[in-house]
Amino acid sequence: MNELTTYLLILILINQIAILFFFLRRERGKSPIGIGLVPSIGGKITREACENLGGTIRGNRCIVKTVEKDKECLVDLGRII
């Protein structure tokens, strides 16, 4: 009976380690920052339109920052006209 209990405890421990490994492996692949490119007409946007969307201008491009769940996403809307 004592050996059977030991084997069952070892089996449960291995099972818990496997579950923890797959959970951590899945979470490690997610990046806290996502970057997306959104095509616009001609790839350009006006400065006023960028400001109305709440974007900032970096390197003559309109960048809009959004937060989805626990991820921060930077979206490049295109060059400034």
PDB file of N, CA and C in Angstrom:
ATOM      1  N   MET A   1       0.824  -1.190   0.000  1.00  0.00           N
ATOM      2  CA  MET A   1       0.000   0.000   0.000  1.00  0.00           C
ATOM      3  C   MET A   1       0.869   1.254   0.000  1.00  0.00           C
ATOM      4  N   ASN A   2       1.967   1.196   0.727  1.00  0.00           N
ATOM      5  CA  ASN A   2       2.854   2.343   0.834  1.00  0.00           C
ATOM      6  C   ASN A   2       3.524   2.637  -0.505  1.00  0.00           C
ATOM      7  N   GLU A   3       3.923   1.612  -1.243  1.00  0.00           N
ATOM      8  CA  GLU A   3       4.535   1.801  -2.557  1.00  0.00           C
ATOM      9  C   GLU A   3       3.538   2.378  -3.550  1.00  0.00           C
ATOM     10  N   LEU A   4       2.301   1.905  -3.502  1.00  0.00           N
ATOM     11  CA  LEU A   4       1.272   2.402  -4.389  1.00  0.00           C
ATOM     12  C   LEU A   4       1.016   3.891  -4.152  1.00  0.00           C
ATOM     13  N   THR A   5       0.985   4.296  -2.901  1.00  0.00           N
ATOM     14  CA  THR A   5       0.796   5.713  -2.567  1.00  0.00           C
ATOM     15  C   THR A   5       1.958   6.540  -3.091  1.00  0.00           C
ATOM     16  N   THR A   6       3.163   6.040  -2.970  1.00  0.00           N
ATOM     17  CA  THR A   6       4.341   6.754  -3.459  1.00  0.00           C
ATOM     18  C   THR A   6       4.288   6.912  -4.971  1.00  0.00           C
ATOM     19  N   TYR A   7       3.930   5.863  -5.678  1.00  0.00           N
ATOM     20  CA  TYR A   7       3.831   5.945  -7.135  1.00  0.00           C
ATOM     21  C   TYR A   7       2.743   6.923  -7.575  1.00  0.00           C
ATOM     22  N   LEU A   8       1.620   6.915  -6.882  1.00  0.00           N
ATOM     23  CA  LEU A   8       0.550   7.849  -7.214  1.00  0.00           C
ATOM     24  C   LEU A   8       0.966   9.295  -6.963  1.00  0.00           C
ATOM     25  N   LEU A   9       1.663   9.549  -5.880  1.00  0.00           N
ATOM     26  CA  LEU A   9       2.139  10.903  -5.600  1.00  0.00           C
ATOM     27  C   LEU A   9       3.153  11.365  -6.644  1.00  0.00           C
ATOM     28  N   ILE A  10       4.034  10.461  -7.063  1.00  0.00           N
ATOM     29  CA  ILE A  10       5.007  10.807  -8.105  1.00  0.00           C
ATOM     30  C   ILE A  10       4.287  11.087  -9.421  1.00  0.00           C
ATOM     31  N   LEU A  11       3.274  10.300  -9.754  1.00  0.00           N
ATOM     32  CA  LEU A  11       2.496  10.507 -10.974  1.00  0.00           C
ATOM     33  C   LEU A  11       1.761  11.850 -10.934  1.00  0.00           C
ATOM     34  N   ILE A  12       1.191  12.193  -9.809  1.00  0.00           N
ATOM     35  CA  ILE A  12       0.512  13.492  -9.665  1.00  0.00           C
ATOM     36  C   ILE A  12       1.512  14.631  -9.787  1.00  0.00           C
ATOM     37  N   LEU A  13       2.678  14.491  -9.221  1.00  0.00           N
ATOM     38  CA  LEU A  13       3.712  15.518  -9.301  1.00  0.00           C
ATOM     39  C   LEU A  13       4.169  15.727 -10.746  1.00  0.00           C
ATOM     40  N   ILE A  14       4.393  14.653 -11.474  1.00  0.00           N
ATOM     41  CA  ILE A  14       4.792  14.758 -12.882  1.00  0.00           C
ATOM     42  C   ILE A  14       3.688  15.421 -13.696  1.00  0.00           C
ATOM     43  N   ASN A  15       2.447  15.087 -13.410  1.00  0.00           N
ATOM     44  CA  ASN A  15       1.314  15.683 -14.114  1.00  0.00           C
ATOM     45  C   ASN A  15       1.268  17.195 -13.847  1.00  0.00           C
ATOM     46  N   GLN A  16       1.458  17.623 -12.625  1.00  0.00           N
ATOM     47  CA  GLN A  16       1.426  19.049 -12.286  1.00  0.00           C
ATOM     48  C   GLN A  16       2.582  19.801 -12.943  1.00  0.00           C
ATOM     49  N   ILE A  17       3.747  19.188 -13.004  1.00  0.00           N
ATOM     50  CA  ILE A  17       4.903  19.817 -13.661  1.00  0.00           C
ATOM     51  C   ILE A  17       4.632  19.973 -15.152  1.00  0.00           C
ATOM     52  N   ALA A  18       4.032  18.969 -15.783  1.00  0.00           N
ATOM     53  CA  ALA A  18       3.718  19.048 -17.218  1.00  0.00           C
ATOM     54  C   ALA A  18       2.705  20.164 -17.484  1.00  0.00           C
ATOM     55  N   ILE A  19       1.680  20.274 -16.659  1.00  0.00           N
ATOM     56  CA  ILE A  19       0.684  21.337 -16.829  1.00  0.00           C
ATOM     57  C   ILE A  19       1.328  22.699 -16.657  1.00  0.00           C
ATOM     58  N   LEU A  20       2.163  22.868 -15.656  1.00  0.00           N
ATOM     59  CA  LEU A  20       2.852  24.138 -15.419  1.00  0.00           C
ATOM     60  C   LEU A  20       3.776  24.477 -16.588  1.00  0.00           C
ATOM     61  N   PHE A  21       4.478  23.497 -17.133  1.00  0.00           N
ATOM     62  CA  PHE A  21       5.373  23.723 -18.264  1.00  0.00           C
ATOM     63  C   PHE A  21       4.610  24.245 -19.479  1.00  0.00           C
ATOM     64  N   PHE A  22       3.486  23.602 -19.820  1.00  0.00           N
ATOM     65  CA  PHE A  22       2.708  24.035 -20.979  1.00  0.00           C
ATOM     66  C   PHE A  22       2.064  25.396 -20.755  1.00  0.00           C
ATOM     67  N   PHE A  23       1.642  25.691 -19.530  1.00  0.00           N
ATOM     68  CA  PHE A  23       1.056  26.997 -19.227  1.00  0.00           C
ATOM     69  C   PHE A  23       2.100  28.097 -19.367  1.00  0.00           C
ATOM     70  N   LEU A  24       3.287  27.903 -18.820  1.00  0.00           N
ATOM     71  CA  LEU A  24       4.338  28.915 -18.919  1.00  0.00           C
ATOM     72  C   LEU A  24       4.833  29.064 -20.349  1.00  0.00           C
ATOM     73  N   ARG A  25       4.890  27.978 -21.080  1.00  0.00           N
ATOM     74  CA  ARG A  25       5.329  28.030 -22.473  1.00  0.00           C
ATOM     75  C   ARG A  25       4.351  28.840 -23.324  1.00  0.00           C
ATOM     76  N   ARG A  26       3.055  28.692 -23.062  1.00  0.00           N
ATOM     77  CA  ARG A  26       2.040  29.421 -23.803  1.00  0.00           C
ATOM     78  C   ARG A  26       2.091  30.906 -23.463  1.00  0.00           C
ATOM     79  N   GLU A  27       2.291  31.276 -22.213  1.00  0.00           N
ATOM     80  CA  GLU A  27       2.334  32.671 -21.794  1.00  0.00           C
ATOM     81  C   GLU A  27       3.604  33.370 -22.263  1.00  0.00           C
ATOM     82  N   ARG A  28       4.700  32.640 -22.399  1.00  0.00           N
ATOM     83  CA  ARG A  28       5.963  33.251 -22.801  1.00  0.00           C
ATOM     84  C   ARG A  28       5.914  33.738 -24.243  1.00  0.00           C
ATOM     85  N   GLY A  29       5.120  33.111 -25.085  1.00  0.00           N
ATOM     86  CA  GLY A  29       5.036  33.490 -26.488  1.00  0.00           C
ATOM     87  C   GLY A  29       4.281  34.778 -26.731  1.00  0.00           C
ATOM     88  N   LYS A  30       3.526  35.244 -25.743  1.00  0.00           N
ATOM     89  CA  LYS A  30       2.748  36.464 -25.922  1.00  0.00           C
ATOM     90  C   LYS A  30       3.597  37.674 -25.565  1.00  0.00           C
ATOM     91  N   SER A  31       3.565  38.646 -26.435  1.00  0.00           N
ATOM     92  CA  SER A  31       4.305  39.878 -26.214  1.00  0.00           C
ATOM     93  C   SER A  31       3.386  40.923 -25.605  1.00  0.00           C
ATOM     94  N   PRO A  32       3.865  41.716 -24.652  1.00  0.00           N
ATOM     95  CA  PRO A  32       3.014  42.745 -24.067  1.00  0.00           C
ATOM     96  C   PRO A  32       2.754  43.910 -25.007  1.00  0.00           C
ATOM     97  N   ILE A  33       3.531  44.026 -26.084  1.00  0.00           N
ATOM     98  CA  ILE A  33       3.350  45.115 -27.033  1.00  0.00           C
ATOM     99  C   ILE A  33       3.133  44.516 -28.417  1.00  0.00           C
ATOM    100  N   GLY A  34       2.055  44.930 -29.058  1.00  0.00           N
ATOM    101  CA  GLY A  34       1.781  44.483 -30.417  1.00  0.00           C
ATOM    102  C   GLY A  34       1.910  45.651 -31.371  1.00  0.00           C
ATOM    103  N   ILE A  35       2.475  45.426 -32.523  1.00  0.00           N
ATOM    104  CA  ILE A  35       2.630  46.475 -33.527  1.00  0.00           C
ATOM    105  C   ILE A  35       1.911  46.029 -34.782  1.00  0.00           C
ATOM    106  N   GLY A  36       1.012  46.866 -35.259  1.00  0.00           N
ATOM    107  CA  GLY A  36       0.277  46.531 -36.467  1.00  0.00           C
ATOM    108  C   GLY A  36       0.386  47.649 -37.479  1.00  0.00           C
ATOM    109  N   LEU A  37       0.284  47.289 -38.733  1.00  0.00           N
ATOM    110  CA  LEU A  37       0.296  48.272 -39.805  1.00  0.00           C
ATOM    111  C   LEU A  37      -1.075  48.277 -40.451  1.00  0.00           C
ATOM    112  N   VAL A  38      -1.663  49.453 -40.549  1.00  0.00           N
ATOM    113  CA  VAL A  38      -2.980  49.584 -41.152  1.00  0.00           C
ATOM    114  C   VAL A  38      -2.827  50.360 -42.443  1.00  0.00           C
ATOM    115  N   PRO A  39      -3.135  49.750 -43.577  1.00  0.00           N
ATOM    116  CA  PRO A  39      -3.009  50.490 -44.838  1.00  0.00           C
ATOM    117  C   PRO A  39      -4.111  51.542 -44.945  1.00  0.00           C
ATOM    118  N   SER A  40      -3.753  52.705 -45.377  1.00  0.00           N
ATOM    119  CA  SER A  40      -4.740  53.743 -45.627  1.00  0.00           C
ATOM    120  C   SER A  40      -4.684  54.096 -47.097  1.00  0.00           C
ATOM    121  N   ILE A  41      -5.535  55.015 -47.535  1.00  0.00           N
ATOM    122  CA  ILE A  41      -5.570  55.390 -48.940  1.00  0.00           C
ATOM    123  C   ILE A  41      -4.261  56.095 -49.284  1.00  0.00           C
ATOM    124  N   GLY A  42      -3.465  55.487 -50.108  1.00  0.00           N
ATOM    125  CA  GLY A  42      -2.179  56.055 -50.485  1.00  0.00           C
ATOM    126  C   GLY A  42      -1.138  55.961 -49.387  1.00  0.00           C
ATOM    127  N   GLY A  43      -1.467  55.362 -48.246  1.00  0.00           N
ATOM    128  CA  GLY A  43      -0.513  55.231 -47.152  1.00  0.00           C
ATOM    129  C   GLY A  43      -0.213  56.539 -46.453  1.00  0.00           C
ATOM    130  N   LYS A  44      -1.125  57.543 -46.561  1.00  0.00           N
ATOM    131  CA  LYS A  44      -0.887  58.843 -45.954  1.00  0.00           C
ATOM    132  C   LYS A  44      -2.111  59.283 -45.162  1.00  0.00           C
ATOM    133  N   ILE A  45      -1.882  60.131 -44.157  1.00  0.00           N
ATOM    134  CA  ILE A  45      -2.953  60.651 -43.318  1.00  0.00           C
ATOM    135  C   ILE A  45      -2.596  62.094 -42.970  1.00  0.00           C
ATOM    136  N   THR A  46      -3.596  62.925 -42.761  1.00  0.00           N
ATOM    137  CA  THR A  46      -3.312  64.324 -42.422  1.00  0.00           C
ATOM    138  C   THR A  46      -2.966  64.440 -40.944  1.00  0.00           C
ATOM    139  N   ARG A  47      -2.270  65.493 -40.607  1.00  0.00           N
ATOM    140  CA  ARG A  47      -1.865  65.745 -39.223  1.00  0.00           C
ATOM    141  C   ARG A  47      -3.098  65.916 -38.330  1.00  0.00           C
ATOM    142  N   GLU A  48      -4.120  66.617 -38.835  1.00  0.00           N
ATOM    143  CA  GLU A  48      -5.332  66.849 -38.059  1.00  0.00           C
ATOM    144  C   GLU A  48      -6.076  65.540 -37.784  1.00  0.00           C
ATOM    145  N   ALA A  49      -6.157  64.682 -38.809  1.00  0.00           N
ATOM    146  CA  ALA A  49      -6.837  63.395 -38.638  1.00  0.00           C
ATOM    147  C   ALA A  49      -6.102  62.533 -37.615  1.00  0.00           C
ATOM    148  N   CYS A  50      -4.787  62.589 -37.643  1.00  0.00           N
ATOM    149  CA  CYS A  50      -3.990  61.821 -36.682  1.00  0.00           C
ATOM    150  C   CYS A  50      -4.256  62.308 -35.258  1.00  0.00           C
ATOM    151  N   GLU A  51      -4.290  63.616 -35.077  1.00  0.00           N
ATOM    152  CA  GLU A  51      -4.538  64.178 -33.746  1.00  0.00           C
ATOM    153  C   GLU A  51      -5.960  63.882 -33.286  1.00  0.00           C
ATOM    154  N   ASN A  52      -6.929  63.899 -34.207  1.00  0.00           N
ATOM    155  CA  ASN A  52      -8.315  63.584 -33.840  1.00  0.00           C
ATOM    156  C   ASN A  52      -8.467  62.139 -33.383  1.00  0.00           C
ATOM    157  N   LEU A  53      -7.650  61.241 -33.916  1.00  0.00           N
ATOM    158  CA  LEU A  53      -7.679  59.833 -33.515  1.00  0.00           C
ATOM    159  C   LEU A  53      -6.915  59.585 -32.219  1.00  0.00           C
ATOM    160  N   GLY A  54      -6.269  60.620 -31.702  1.00  0.00           N
ATOM    161  CA  GLY A  54      -5.502  60.463 -30.468  1.00  0.00           C
ATOM    162  C   GLY A  54      -4.112  59.916 -30.711  1.00  0.00           C
ATOM    163  N   GLY A  55      -3.619  60.070 -31.918  1.00  0.00           N
ATOM    164  CA  GLY A  55      -2.298  59.560 -32.271  1.00  0.00           C
ATOM    165  C   GLY A  55      -1.204  60.577 -32.021  1.00  0.00           C
ATOM    166  N   THR A  56       0.014  60.100 -32.079  1.00  0.00           N
ATOM    167  CA  THR A  56       1.187  60.961 -31.977  1.00  0.00           C
ATOM    168  C   THR A  56       1.979  60.834 -33.268  1.00  0.00           C
ATOM    169  N   ILE A  57       2.794  61.835 -33.528  1.00  0.00           N
ATOM    170  CA  ILE A  57       3.586  61.840 -34.755  1.00  0.00           C
ATOM    171  C   ILE A  57       5.027  61.509 -34.391  1.00  0.00           C
ATOM    172  N   ARG A  58       5.528  60.435 -34.960  1.00  0.00           N
ATOM    173  CA  ARG A  58       6.907  59.993 -34.727  1.00  0.00           C
ATOM    174  C   ARG A  58       7.550  59.733 -36.083  1.00  0.00           C
ATOM    175  N   GLY A  59       8.610  60.441 -36.355  1.00  0.00           N
ATOM    176  CA  GLY A  59       9.331  60.211 -37.608  1.00  0.00           C
ATOM    177  C   GLY A  59       8.461  60.437 -38.830  1.00  0.00           C
ATOM    178  N   ASN A  60       7.622  61.465 -38.809  1.00  0.00           N
ATOM    179  CA  ASN A  60       6.733  61.813 -39.905  1.00  0.00           C
ATOM    180  C   ASN A  60       5.703  60.716 -40.194  1.00  0.00           C
ATOM    181  N   ARG A  61       5.333  59.932 -39.149  1.00  0.00           N
ATOM    182  CA  ARG A  61       4.309  58.892 -39.273  1.00  0.00           C
ATOM    183  C   ARG A  61       3.327  59.041 -38.118  1.00  0.00           C
ATOM    184  N   CYS A  62       2.080  58.661 -38.355  1.00  0.00           N
ATOM    185  CA  CYS A  62       1.040  58.723 -37.328  1.00  0.00           C
ATOM    186  C   CYS A  62       0.989  57.388 -36.589  1.00  0.00           C
ATOM    187  N   ILE A  63       1.213  57.427 -35.281  1.00  0.00           N
ATOM    188  CA  ILE A  63       1.208  56.233 -34.444  1.00  0.00           C
ATOM    189  C   ILE A  63       0.090  56.382 -33.413  1.00  0.00           C
ATOM    190  N   VAL A  64      -0.798  55.392 -33.345  1.00  0.00           N
ATOM    191  CA  VAL A  64      -1.891  55.395 -32.378  1.00  0.00           C
ATOM    192  C   VAL A  64      -1.641  54.268 -31.387  1.00  0.00           C
ATOM    193  N   LYS A  65      -1.712  54.604 -30.087  1.00  0.00           N
ATOM    194  CA  LYS A  65      -1.498  53.606 -29.040  1.00  0.00           C
ATOM    195  C   LYS A  65      -2.854  53.208 -28.457  1.00  0.00           C
ATOM    196  N   THR A  66      -3.128  51.900 -28.421  1.00  0.00           N
ATOM    197  CA  THR A  66      -4.352  51.378 -27.813  1.00  0.00           C
ATOM    198  C   THR A  66      -3.986  50.301 -26.809  1.00  0.00           C
ATOM    199  N   VAL A  67      -4.912  50.015 -25.898  1.00  0.00           N
ATOM    200  CA  VAL A  67      -4.701  48.959 -24.906  1.00  0.00           C
ATOM    201  C   VAL A  67      -5.823  47.948 -25.065  1.00  0.00           C
ATOM    202  N   GLU A  68      -5.450  46.695 -25.312  1.00  0.00           N
ATOM    203  CA  GLU A  68      -6.395  45.602 -25.444  1.00  0.00           C
ATOM    204  C   GLU A  68      -6.083  44.577 -24.371  1.00  0.00           C
ATOM    205  N   LYS A  69      -7.013  44.406 -23.446  1.00  0.00           N
ATOM    206  CA  LYS A  69      -6.821  43.532 -22.280  1.00  0.00           C
ATOM    207  C   LYS A  69      -5.558  43.969 -21.563  1.00  0.00           C
ATOM    208  N   ASP A  70      -4.506  43.165 -21.562  1.00  0.00           N
ATOM    209  CA  ASP A  70      -3.271  43.532 -20.881  1.00  0.00           C
ATOM    210  C   ASP A  70      -2.148  43.849 -21.859  1.00  0.00           C
ATOM    211  N   LYS A  71      -2.504  44.030 -23.141  1.00  0.00           N
ATOM    212  CA  LYS A  71      -1.494  44.303 -24.160  1.00  0.00           C
ATOM    213  C   LYS A  71      -1.587  45.742 -24.640  1.00  0.00           C
ATOM    214  N   GLU A  72      -0.451  46.351 -24.829  1.00  0.00           N
ATOM    215  CA  GLU A  72      -0.382  47.688 -25.406  1.00  0.00           C
ATOM    216  C   GLU A  72      -0.067  47.534 -26.886  1.00  0.00           C
ATOM    217  N   CYS A  73      -0.921  48.098 -27.750  1.00  0.00           N
ATOM    218  CA  CYS A  73      -0.746  47.950 -29.194  1.00  0.00           C
ATOM    219  C   CYS A  73      -0.424  49.299 -29.829  1.00  0.00           C
ATOM    220  N   LEU A  74       0.609  49.320 -30.649  1.00  0.00           N
ATOM    221  CA  LEU A  74       0.977  50.501 -31.410  1.00  0.00           C
ATOM    222  C   LEU A  74       0.591  50.255 -32.858  1.00  0.00           C
ATOM    223  N   VAL A  75      -0.238  51.143 -33.414  1.00  0.00           N
ATOM    224  CA  VAL A  75      -0.722  50.981 -34.786  1.00  0.00           C
ATOM    225  C   VAL A  75      -0.179  52.123 -35.629  1.00  0.00           C
ATOM    226  N   ASP A  76       0.507  51.784 -36.702  1.00  0.00           N
ATOM    227  CA  ASP A  76       1.057  52.773 -37.620  1.00  0.00           C
ATOM    228  C   ASP A  76       0.014  53.037 -38.703  1.00  0.00           C
ATOM    229  N   LEU A  77      -0.538  54.260 -38.724  1.00  0.00           N
ATOM    230  CA  LEU A  77      -1.582  54.590 -39.689  1.00  0.00           C
ATOM    231  C   LEU A  77      -1.035  55.107 -41.006  1.00  0.00           C
ATOM    232  N   GLY A  78       0.211  55.478 -41.064  1.00  0.00           N
ATOM    233  CA  GLY A  78       0.788  55.926 -42.316  1.00  0.00           C
ATOM    234  C   GLY A  78       1.549  57.225 -42.183  1.00  0.00           C
ATOM    235  N   ARG A  79       2.087  57.677 -43.322  1.00  0.00           N
ATOM    236  CA  ARG A  79       2.858  58.912 -43.341  1.00  0.00           C
ATOM    237  C   ARG A  79       1.951  60.121 -43.219  1.00  0.00           C
ATOM    238  N   ILE A  80       2.517  61.198 -42.704  1.00  0.00           N
ATOM    239  CA  ILE A  80       1.797  62.465 -42.562  1.00  0.00           C
ATOM    240  C   ILE A  80       1.907  63.234 -43.874  1.00  0.00           C
ATOM    241  N   ILE A  81       0.779  63.781 -44.338  1.00  0.00           N
ATOM    242  CA  ILE A  81       0.785  64.605 -45.557  1.00  0.00           C
ATOM    243  C   ILE A  81       1.237  65.986 -45.181  1.00  0.00           C
TER     244      ILE A  81
END
